Amino acid sequence: MYLSLGGDVIGYENASVTPYFHILTYHLTRFIRDETPFKSFTGQGVEKINDTVRSIYHNKCNKHDACKEAILALKRIDHLQGFERQPHQYTKKNDEYWEADIFEQRRKRPRLCVASTEDEPPINESDVDTMTIHEIKATLKEMGITTKCRREDKLREILRKAISDNANGVN
C-alpha cells in the first residue's frame, strides 16, 4: 500500500521505508492477536539511549573519555531500570504550628522592602554614647561625612561635632 504511491507522490519511495513501517505493515496484526504490547517494539528505549550517548559525547569529548562516560551512564541507567523513586513521607508533627504559629513567625520577620512610615527623631549628642561603631559610621555616611578613622572615641567626637554643626546651622 505505502510503496504503491511511489510513482504518484513524492516521498513514498523504497528508500523511505523505515523499520517502523515494516513492523506496522507486516507484524502489527500478529502482535494484536497474541496480545503482545506494541510498546516494546516502538524503539523509544533505543532513541533515549542514543540521545543520552550523543549528549555525553558532545558535552565531554574535549575534556574526558566520552566513550567511557557514555558506557558508564548507560550502565547506571540499566542498573537503575527496576528501581522507582519513593517520595519522602512527611507527617505534620505540630498542627498548631501550621494553623497559627507560622503566621506569627512570618509577621515578626524583618521586611527589607517596606520603608518606615514614621519620621525618626533627629539624633542628639546624648544618643552618641549608646550607639555602636557601625551605627556611628552609618549615621556619618547619611550626613555625607566620609572618614578613614576607625577609633571609637574619634568617631564619636566627629559625630558630636557634626550634630552640633547641624544644630547651629554650620555647613
Foldseek 3Di string as FASTA:
>chain_A
DQLVCVVPDPPSHPVNDDVVNVCVPPPPVVCVVVVPDCVVVPCPVVVVLVVQLVVQCVVPVVPDDSVVVSVVVVVVCVVCVPPDDDDDDDDDPDVCCVVPVVVVVVVPDDDPPDDDPDDDDDDALVVLVVDDQVVLQVVCVVVVHDDPDDDSVVSSVVSNVSRVCVVVVHD
